[in-house]
Amino acid sequence: LSNKVDEIFCTLPMAEVDKINDIMDFADNHLIRFRLIPEF
């Protein structure tokens, strides 16, 4: 919110699903692109 951030790349494991959902909600509501990177 205080810096010019255009995209968030998330590499958190899916075990952190609550945090992922929370940050994804935040990104959508502030017009920030959210990219989810799966761990293989």
All heavy atoms as atom14 arrays in JSON, in Angstrom:
{
  "sequence": "LSNKVDEIFCTLPMAEVDKINDIMDFADNHLIRFRLIPEF",
  "atom14_mask": [
    [1, 1, 1, 1, 1, 1, 1, 1, 0, 0, 0, 0, 0, 0],
    [1, 1, 1, 1, 1, 1, 0, 0, 0, 0, 0, 0, 0, 0],
    [1, 1, 1, 1, 1, 1, 1, 1, 0, 0, 0, 0, 0, 0],
    [1, 1, 1, 1, 1, 1, 1, 1, 1, 0, 0, 0, 0, 0],
    [1, 1, 1, 1, 1, 1, 1, 0, 0, 0, 0, 0, 0, 0],
    [1, 1, 1, 1, 1, 1, 1, 1, 0, 0, 0, 0, 0, 0],
    [1, 1, 1, 1, 1, 1, 1, 1, 1, 0, 0, 0, 0, 0],
    [1, 1, 1, 1, 1, 1, 1, 1, 0, 0, 0, 0, 0, 0],
    [1, 1, 1, 1, 1, 1, 1, 1, 1, 1, 1, 0, 0, 0],
    [1, 1, 1, 1, 1, 1, 0, 0, 0, 0, 0, 0, 0, 0],
    [1, 1, 1, 1, 1, 1, 1, 0, 0, 0, 0, 0, 0, 0],
    [1, 1, 1, 1, 1, 1, 1, 1, 0, 0, 0, 0, 0, 0],
    [1, 1, 1, 1, 1, 1, 1, 0, 0, 0, 0, 0, 0, 0],
    [1, 1, 1, 1, 1, 1, 1, 1, 0, 0, 0, 0, 0, 0],
    [1, 1, 1, 1, 1, 0, 0, 0, 0, 0, 0, 0, 0, 0],
    [1, 1, 1, 1, 1, 1, 1, 1, 1, 0, 0, 0, 0, 0],
    [1, 1, 1, 1, 1, 1, 1, 0, 0, 0, 0, 0, 0, 0],
    [1, 1, 1, 1, 1, 1, 1, 1, 0, 0, 0, 0, 0, 0],
    [1, 1, 1, 1, 1, 1, 1, 1, 1, 0, 0, 0, 0, 0],
    [1, 1, 1, 1, 1, 1, 1, 1, 0, 0, 0, 0, 0, 0],
    [1, 1, 1, 1, 1, 1, 1, 1, 0, 0, 0, 0, 0, 0],
    [1, 1, 1, 1, 1, 1, 1, 1, 0, 0, 0, 0, 0, 0],
    [1, 1, 1, 1, 1, 1, 1, 1, 0, 0, 0, 0, 0, 0],
    [1, 1, 1, 1, 1, 1, 1, 1, 0, 0, 0, 0, 0, 0],
    [1, 1, 1, 1, 1, 1, 1, 1, 0, 0, 0, 0, 0, 0],
    [1, 1, 1, 1, 1, 1, 1, 1, 1, 1, 1, 0, 0, 0],
    [1, 1, 1, 1, 1, 0, 0, 0, 0, 0, 0, 0, 0, 0],
    [1, 1, 1, 1, 1, 1, 1, 1, 0, 0, 0, 0, 0, 0],
    [1, 1, 1, 1, 1, 1, 1, 1, 0, 0, 0, 0, 0, 0],
    [1, 1, 1, 1, 1, 1, 1, 1, 1, 1, 0, 0, 0, 0],
    [1, 1, 1, 1, 1, 1, 1, 1, 0, 0, 0, 0, 0, 0],
    [1, 1, 1, 1, 1, 1, 1, 1, 0, 0, 0, 0, 0, 0],
    [1, 1, 1, 1, 1, 1, 1, 1, 1, 1, 1, 0, 0, 0],
    [1, 1, 1, 1, 1, 1, 1, 1, 1, 1, 1, 0, 0, 0],
    [1, 1, 1, 1, 1, 1, 1, 1, 1, 1, 1, 0, 0, 0],
    [1, 1, 1, 1, 1, 1, 1, 1, 0, 0, 0, 0, 0, 0],
    [1, 1, 1, 1, 1, 1, 1, 1, 0, 0, 0, 0, 0, 0],
    [1, 1, 1, 1, 1, 1, 1, 0, 0, 0, 0, 0, 0, 0],
    [1, 1, 1, 1, 1, 1, 1, 1, 1, 0, 0, 0, 0, 0],
    [1, 1, 1, 1, 1, 1, 1, 1, 1, 1, 1, 0, 0, 0]
  ],
  "atom14_positions": [
    [[0.81, -1.21, 0.0], [0.0, 0.0, 0.0], [0.85, 1.27, 0.0], [0.43, 2.3, -0.53], [-0.93, 0.01, 1.22], [-2.06, -1.04, 1.21], [-2.83, -1.0, 2.52], [-3.0, -0.82, 0.03], [0.0, 0.0, 0.0], [0.0, 0.0, 0.0], [0.0, 0.0, 0.0], [0.0, 0.0, 0.0], [0.0, 0.0, 0.0], [0.0, 0.0, 0.0]],
    [[2.03, 1.18, 0.57], [2.9, 2.37, 0.65], [3.95, 2.41, -0.45], [4.7, 3.37, -0.56], [3.59, 2.44, 2.02], [4.35, 1.26, 2.25], [0.0, 0.0, 0.0], [0.0, 0.0, 0.0], [0.0, 0.0, 0.0], [0.0, 0.0, 0.0], [0.0, 0.0, 0.0], [0.0, 0.0, 0.0], [0.0, 0.0, 0.0], [0.0, 0.0, 0.0]],
    [[4.03, 1.37, -1.23], [4.98, 1.32, -2.35], [4.25, 0.91, -3.62], [3.14, 0.36, -3.57], [6.11, 0.31, -2.07], [7.0, 0.74, -0.93], [7.97, 1.45, -1.12], [6.65, 0.3, 0.3], [0.0, 0.0, 0.0], [0.0, 0.0, 0.0], [0.0, 0.0, 0.0], [0.0, 0.0, 0.0], [0.0, 0.0, 0.0], [0.0, 0.0, 0.0]],
    [[4.89, 1.15, -4.72], [4.26, 0.84, -6.01], [4.54, -0.62, -6.37], [5.51, -0.94, -7.05], [4.82, 1.77, -7.09], [4.13, 1.62, -8.43], [4.79, 2.53, -9.46], [4.14, 2.34, -10.82], [4.79, 3.18, -11.84], [0.0, 0.0, 0.0], [0.0, 0.0, 0.0], [0.0, 0.0, 0.0], [0.0, 0.0, 0.0], [0.0, 0.0, 0.0]],
    [[3.68, -1.53, -5.92], [3.84, -2.95, -6.2], [2.78, -3.37, -7.21], [1.59, -3.15, -7.0], [3.72, -3.8, -4.92], [3.73, -5.29, -5.26], [4.86, -3.47, -3.96], [0.0, 0.0, 0.0], [0.0, 0.0, 0.0], [0.0, 0.0, 0.0], [0.0, 0.0, 0.0], [0.0, 0.0, 0.0], [0.0, 0.0, 0.0], [0.0, 0.0, 0.0]],
    [[3.21, -3.96, -8.31], [2.29, -4.37, -9.38], [1.9, -5.83, -9.3], [0.78, -6.2, -9.66], [2.93, -4.12, -10.75], [3.23, -2.65, -10.97], [2.3, -1.84, -10.84], [4.39, -2.3, -11.24], [0.0, 0.0, 0.0], [0.0, 0.0, 0.0], [0.0, 0.0, 0.0], [0.0, 0.0, 0.0], [0.0, 0.0, 0.0], [0.0, 0.0, 0.0]],
    [[2.84, -6.68, -8.84], [2.56, -8.12, -8.83], [3.16, -8.77, -7.6], [4.25, -8.41, -7.14], [3.11, -8.8, -10.1], [2.47, -8.31, -11.38], [2.88, -9.14, -12.6], [3.61, -10.13, -12.43], [2.45, -8.78, -13.71], [0.0, 0.0, 0.0], [0.0, 0.0, 0.0], [0.0, 0.0, 0.0], [0.0, 0.0, 0.0], [0.0, 0.0, 0.0]],
    [[2.44, -9.77, -7.07], [2.92, -10.59, -5.96], [3.08, -12.01, -6.48], [2.12, -12.61, -6.98], [1.93, -10.59, -4.78], [1.75, -9.17, -4.23], [2.41, -11.53, -3.68], [0.62, -9.06, -3.21], [0.0, 0.0, 0.0], [0.0, 0.0, 0.0], [0.0, 0.0, 0.0], [0.0, 0.0, 0.0], [0.0, 0.0, 0.0], [0.0, 0.0, 0.0]],
    [[4.27, -12.55, -6.37], [4.53, -13.95, -6.73], [4.57, -14.77, -5.44], [5.4, -14.52, -4.57], [5.86, -14.08, -7.48], [5.8, -13.6, -8.9], [5.9, -12.25, -9.2], [5.64, -14.5, -9.95], [5.84, -11.79, -10.51], [5.58, -14.06, -11.26], [5.68, -12.71, -11.54], [0.0, 0.0, 0.0], [0.0, 0.0, 0.0], [0.0, 0.0, 0.0]],
    [[3.66, -15.72, -5.33], [3.55, -16.51, -4.1], [4.17, -17.89, -4.29], [3.77, -18.66, -5.16], [2.08, -16.65, -3.71], [1.82, -17.66, -2.24], [0.0, 0.0, 0.0], [0.0, 0.0, 0.0], [0.0, 0.0, 0.0], [0.0, 0.0, 0.0], [0.0, 0.0, 0.0], [0.0, 0.0, 0.0], [0.0, 0.0, 0.0], [0.0, 0.0, 0.0]],
    [[5.15, -18.21, -3.43], [5.79, -19.53, -3.48], [5.55, -20.31, -2.19], [6.23, -21.29, -1.91], [7.31, -19.39, -3.71], [7.9, -18.71, -2.58], [7.62, -18.63, -4.98], [0.0, 0.0, 0.0], [0.0, 0.0, 0.0], [0.0, 0.0, 0.0], [0.0, 0.0, 0.0], [0.0, 0.0, 0.0], [0.0, 0.0, 0.0], [0.0, 0.0, 0.0]],
    [[4.57, -19.86, -1.39], [4.26, -20.56, -0.15], [3.7, -21.95, -0.46], [2.99, -22.15, -1.46], [3.22, -19.77, 0.66], [3.65, -18.41, 1.22], [2.48, -17.77, 1.93], [4.84, -18.56, 2.15], [0.0, 0.0, 0.0], [0.0, 0.0, 0.0], [0.0, 0.0, 0.0], [0.0, 0.0, 0.0], [0.0, 0.0, 0.0], [0.0, 0.0, 0.0]],
    [[3.98, -22.94, 0.4], [3.4, -24.28, 0.19], [1.89, -24.26, 0.39], [1.36, -23.4, 1.12], [4.11, -25.12, 1.26], [4.53, -24.14, 2.31], [4.85, -22.87, 1.58], [0.0, 0.0, 0.0], [0.0, 0.0, 0.0], [0.0, 0.0, 0.0], [0.0, 0.0, 0.0], [0.0, 0.0, 0.0], [0.0, 0.0, 0.0], [0.0, 0.0, 0.0]],
    [[1.18, -25.2, -0.22], [-0.27, -25.23, -0.14], [-0.76, -25.49, 1.28], [-1.94, -25.27, 1.58], [-0.84, -26.28, -1.1], [-0.67, -25.93, -2.57], [-1.24, -24.26, -2.99], [-2.98, -24.38, -2.59], [0.0, 0.0, 0.0], [0.0, 0.0, 0.0], [0.0, 0.0, 0.0], [0.0, 0.0, 0.0], [0.0, 0.0, 0.0], [0.0, 0.0, 0.0]],
    [[0.13, -25.94, 2.17], [-0.25, -26.1, 3.57], [-0.59, -24.74, 4.19], [-1.3, -24.66, 5.2], [0.88, -26.76, 4.34], [0.0, 0.0, 0.0], [0.0, 0.0, 0.0], [0.0, 0.0, 0.0], [0.0, 0.0, 0.0], [0.0, 0.0, 0.0], [0.0, 0.0, 0.0], [0.0, 0.0, 0.0], [0.0, 0.0, 0.0], [0.0, 0.0, 0.0]],
    [[-0.09, -23.67, 3.59], [-0.34, -22.31, 4.07], [-1.55, -21.7, 3.34], [-1.57, -20.52, 3.03], [0.9, -21.44, 3.81], [2.17, -22.01, 4.37], [2.53, -21.36, 5.7], [1.63, -20.75, 6.31], [3.67, -21.47, 6.1], [0.0, 0.0, 0.0], [0.0, 0.0, 0.0], [0.0, 0.0, 0.0], [0.0, 0.0, 0.0], [0.0, 0.0, 0.0]],
    [[-2.55, -22.52, 3.07], [-3.66, -22.1, 2.23], [-4.4, -20.88, 2.79], [-4.87, -20.02, 2.03], [-4.65, -23.28, 2.0], [-5.28, -23.73, 3.29], [-5.71, -22.91, 0.98], [0.0, 0.0, 0.0], [0.0, 0.0, 0.0], [0.0, 0.0, 0.0], [0.0, 0.0, 0.0], [0.0, 0.0, 0.0], [0.0, 0.0, 0.0], [0.0, 0.0, 0.0]],
    [[-4.5, -20.77, 4.11], [-5.21, -19.63, 4.7], [-4.47, -18.32, 4.4], [-5.09, -17.31, 4.06], [-5.37, -19.82, 6.21], [-6.34, -20.94, 6.56], [-7.2, -21.24, 5.69], [-6.24, -21.51, 7.65], [0.0, 0.0, 0.0], [0.0, 0.0, 0.0], [0.0, 0.0, 0.0], [0.0, 0.0, 0.0], [0.0, 0.0, 0.0], [0.0, 0.0, 0.0]],
    [[-3.16, -18.34, 4.53], [-2.36, -17.15, 4.22], [-2.44, -16.81, 2.73], [-2.53, -15.64, 2.35], [-0.9, -17.36, 4.63], [-0.67, -17.37, 6.13], [0.82, -17.58, 6.44], [1.02, -17.64, 7.96], [2.45, -17.92, 8.29], [0.0, 0.0, 0.0], [0.0, 0.0, 0.0], [0.0, 0.0, 0.0], [0.0, 0.0, 0.0], [0.0, 0.0, 0.0]],
    [[-2.4, -17.85, 1.9], [-2.48, -17.64, 0.45], [-3.8, -16.97, 0.07], [-3.84, -16.0, -0.68], [-2.31, -18.98, -0.3], [-0.91, -19.55, -0.11], [-2.59, -18.8, -1.8], [-0.71, -20.94, -0.68], [0.0, 0.0, 0.0], [0.0, 0.0, 0.0], [0.0, 0.0, 0.0], [0.0, 0.0, 0.0], [0.0, 0.0, 0.0], [0.0, 0.0, 0.0]],
    [[-4.89, -17.5, 0.63], [-6.21, -16.92, 0.35], [-6.31, -15.48, 0.82], [-6.87, -14.62, 0.14], [-7.31, -17.76, 1.01], [-7.7, -18.96, 0.17], [-7.48, -18.98, -1.03], [-8.28, -19.96, 0.82], [0.0, 0.0, 0.0], [0.0, 0.0, 0.0], [0.0, 0.0, 0.0], [0.0, 0.0, 0.0], [0.0, 0.0, 0.0], [0.0, 0.0, 0.0]],
    [[-5.74, -15.21, 1.99], [-5.81, -13.87, 2.56], [-5.06, -12.86, 1.68], [-5.58, -11.78, 1.36], [-5.21, -13.89, 3.97], [-5.27, -12.52, 4.62], [-6.35, -11.91, 4.62], [-4.21, -12.05, 5.1], [0.0, 0.0, 0.0], [0.0, 0.0, 0.0], [0.0, 0.0, 0.0], [0.0, 0.0, 0.0], [0.0, 0.0, 0.0], [0.0, 0.0, 0.0]],
    [[-3.84, -13.22, 1.27], [-3.04, -12.32, 0.42], [-3.65, -12.19, -0.96], [-3.64, -11.13, -1.59], [-1.58, -12.79, 0.33], [-0.93, -12.81, 1.72], [-0.78, -11.92, -0.62], [-0.85, -11.44, 2.38], [0.0, 0.0, 0.0], [0.0, 0.0, 0.0], [0.0, 0.0, 0.0], [0.0, 0.0, 0.0], [0.0, 0.0, 0.0], [0.0, 0.0, 0.0]],
    [[-4.27, -13.29, -1.44], [-4.89, -13.25, -2.75], [-6.11, -12.31, -2.74], [-6.33, -11.54, -3.69], [-5.32, -14.66, -3.18], [-5.56, -14.81, -4.67], [-6.08, -16.49, -5.13], [-4.66, -17.43, -4.61], [0.0, 0.0, 0.0], [0.0, 0.0, 0.0], [0.0, 0.0, 0.0], [0.0, 0.0, 0.0], [0.0, 0.0, 0.0], [0.0, 0.0, 0.0]],
    [[-6.88, -12.37, -1.65], [-7.99, -11.43, -1.5], [-7.5, -10.0, -1.51], [-8.05, -9.12, -2.19], [-8.73, -11.7, -0.18], [-9.6, -12.94, -0.24], [-9.88, -13.4, -1.36], [-10.01, -13.42, 0.83], [0.0, 0.0, 0.0], [0.0, 0.0, 0.0], [0.0, 0.0, 0.0], [0.0, 0.0, 0.0], [0.0, 0.0, 0.0], [0.0, 0.0, 0.0]],
    [[-6.46, -9.77, -0.73], [-5.89, -8.42, -0.64], [-5.43, -7.91, -2.01], [-5.71, -6.77, -2.4], [-4.72, -8.42, 0.34], [-3.85, -7.2, 0.26], [-4.24, -6.01, 0.86], [-2.66, -7.23, -0.45], [-3.45, -4.87, 0.77], [-1.86, -6.1, -0.55], [-2.26, -4.91, 0.05], [0.0, 0.0, 0.0], [0.0, 0.0, 0.0], [0.0, 0.0, 0.0]],
    [[-4.74, -8.77, -2.74], [-4.23, -8.39, -4.07], [-5.37, -8.05, -5.02], [-5.33, -7.03, -5.73], [-3.37, -9.52, -4.64], [0.0, 0.0, 0.0], [0.0, 0.0, 0.0], [0.0, 0.0, 0.0], [0.0, 0.0, 0.0], [0.0, 0.0, 0.0], [0.0, 0.0, 0.0], [0.0, 0.0, 0.0], [0.0, 0.0, 0.0], [0.0, 0.0, 0.0]],
    [[-6.4, -8.87, -5.03], [-7.54, -8.62, -5.92], [-8.23, -7.31, -5.58], [-8.66, -6.56, -6.47], [-8.55, -9.77, -5.81], [-8.12, -11.0, -6.59], [-7.16, -10.88, -7.39], [-8.72, -12.06, -6.4], [0.0, 0.0, 0.0], [0.0, 0.0, 0.0], [0.0, 0.0, 0.0], [0.0, 0.0, 0.0], [0.0, 0.0, 0.0], [0.0, 0.0, 0.0]],
    [[-8.34, -7.03, -4.3], [-9.05, -5.84, -3.87], [-8.24, -4.56, -4.01], [-8.78, -3.46, -3.79], [-9.51, -6.01, -2.42], [-10.57, -7.09, -2.27], [-11.41, -7.26, -3.15], [-10.51, -7.84, -1.19], [0.0, 0.0, 0.0], [0.0, 0.0, 0.0], [0.0, 0.0, 0.0], [0.0, 0.0, 0.0], [0.0, 0.0, 0.0], [0.0, 0.0, 0.0]],
    [[-6.97, -4.69, -4.37], [-6.14, -3.5, -4.56], [-5.48, -3.5, -5.94], [-4.45, -2.87, -6.16], [-5.07, -3.43, -3.45], [-5.65, -3.17, -2.1], [-6.13, -4.17, -1.3], [-5.88, -2.0, -1.42], [-6.61, -3.66, -0.17], [-6.47, -2.34, -0.22], [0.0, 0.0, 0.0], [0.0, 0.0, 0.0], [0.0, 0.0, 0.0], [0.0, 0.0, 0.0]],
    [[-6.1, -4.23, -6.86], [-5.65, -4.24, -8.27], [-4.18, -4.61, -8.41], [-3.44, -4.03, -9.2], [-5.93, -2.89, -8.93], [-7.4, -2.47, -8.98], [-7.54, -1.12, -9.66], [-8.24, -3.52, -9.68], [0.0, 0.0, 0.0], [0.0, 0.0, 0.0], [0.0, 0.0, 0.0], [0.0, 0.0, 0.0], [0.0, 0.0, 0.0], [0.0, 0.0, 0.0]],
    [[-3.76, -5.59, -7.63], [-2.4, -6.12, -7.73], [-2.5, -7.53, -8.3], [-3.29, -8.35, -7.81], [-1.7, -6.15, -6.36], [-1.6, -4.73, -5.78], [-0.32, -6.78, -6.45], [-1.09, -4.68, -4.35], [0.0, 0.0, 0.0], [0.0, 0.0, 0.0], [0.0, 0.0, 0.0], [0.0, 0.0, 0.0], [0.0, 0.0, 0.0], [0.0, 0.0, 0.0]],
    [[-1.73, -7.83, -9.31], [-1.75, -9.17, -9.9], [-1.15, -10.17, -8.92], [-0.11, -9.91, -8.32], [-0.95, -9.21, -11.2], [-1.39, -8.21, -12.25], [-2.72, -8.55, -12.85], [-3.08, -7.63, -13.92], [-4.26, -7.61, -14.52], [-5.19, -8.46, -14.17], [-4.5, -6.74, -15.49], [0.0, 0.0, 0.0], [0.0, 0.0, 0.0], [0.0, 0.0, 0.0]],
    [[-1.81, -11.32, -8.79], [-1.32, -12.37, -7.88], [-0.93, -13.58, -8.71], [-1.74, -14.09, -9.49], [-2.4, -12.75, -6.87], [-1.92, -13.67, -5.79], [-1.4, -13.17, -4.6], [-2.01, -15.05, -5.95], [-0.96, -14.03, -3.6], [-1.57, -15.91, -4.97], [-1.04, -15.41, -3.79], [0.0, 0.0, 0.0], [0.0, 0.0, 0.0], [0.0, 0.0, 0.0]],
    [[0.31, -14.03, -8.56], [0.81, -15.19, -9.31], [1.15, -16.3, -8.32], [1.96, -16.09, -7.42], [2.06, -14.84, -10.12], [1.97, -13.53, -10.89], [0.97, -13.59, -12.01], [1.02, -12.38, -12.84], [0.14, -12.08, -13.76], [-0.87, -12.9, -14.0], [0.24, -10.96, -14.46], [0.0, 0.0, 0.0], [0.0, 0.0, 0.0], [0.0, 0.0, 0.0]],
    [[0.54, -17.46, -8.49], [0.79, -18.6, -7.61], [1.77, -19.56, -8.27], [1.5, -20.08, -9.36], [-0.52, -19.31, -7.28], [-0.48, -20.42, -6.24], [-0.01, -19.88, -4.9], [-1.86, -21.07, -6.1], [0.0, 0.0, 0.0], [0.0, 0.0, 0.0], [0.0, 0.0, 0.0], [0.0, 0.0, 0.0], [0.0, 0.0, 0.0], [0.0, 0.0, 0.0]],
    [[2.91, -19.77, -7.64], [3.95, -20.65, -8.19], [3.9, -21.98, -7.46], [4.24, -22.04, -6.26], [5.36, -20.04, -8.04], [5.36, -18.56, -8.47], [6.38, -20.85, -8.81], [5.01, -18.33, -9.91], [0.0, 0.0, 0.0], [0.0, 0.0, 0.0], [0.0, 0.0, 0.0], [0.0, 0.0, 0.0], [0.0, 0.0, 0.0], [0.0, 0.0, 0.0]],
    [[3.49, -23.08, -8.1], [3.4, -24.37, -7.41], [4.78, -24.98, -7.19], [5.72, -24.74, -7.95], [2.57, -25.23, -8.37], [2.82, -24.64, -9.71], [3.03, -23.17, -9.5], [0.0, 0.0, 0.0], [0.0, 0.0, 0.0], [0.0, 0.0, 0.0], [0.0, 0.0, 0.0], [0.0, 0.0, 0.0], [0.0, 0.0, 0.0], [0.0, 0.0, 0.0]],
    [[4.88, -25.76, -6.14], [6.15, -26.42, -5.79], [6.11, -27.85, -6.31], [5.24, -28.65, -5.95], [6.31, -26.42, -4.26], [7.49, -27.24, -3.77], [8.83, -26.69, -4.23], [9.28, -25.69, -3.67], [9.41, -27.28, -5.17], [0.0, 0.0, 0.0], [0.0, 0.0, 0.0], [0.0, 0.0, 0.0], [0.0, 0.0, 0.0], [0.0, 0.0, 0.0]],
    [[7.07, -28.17, -7.17], [7.13, -29.53, -7.71], [8.4, -30.26, -7.31], [8.75, -31.29, -7.87], [7.04, -29.51, -9.26], [5.72, -29.01, -9.75], [5.64, -27.83, -10.45], [4.57, -29.71, -9.48], [4.41, -27.36, -10.91], [3.34, -29.25, -9.93], [3.27, -28.08, -10.64], [0.0, 0.0, 0.0], [0.0, 0.0, 0.0], [0.0, 0.0, 0.0]]
  ]
}
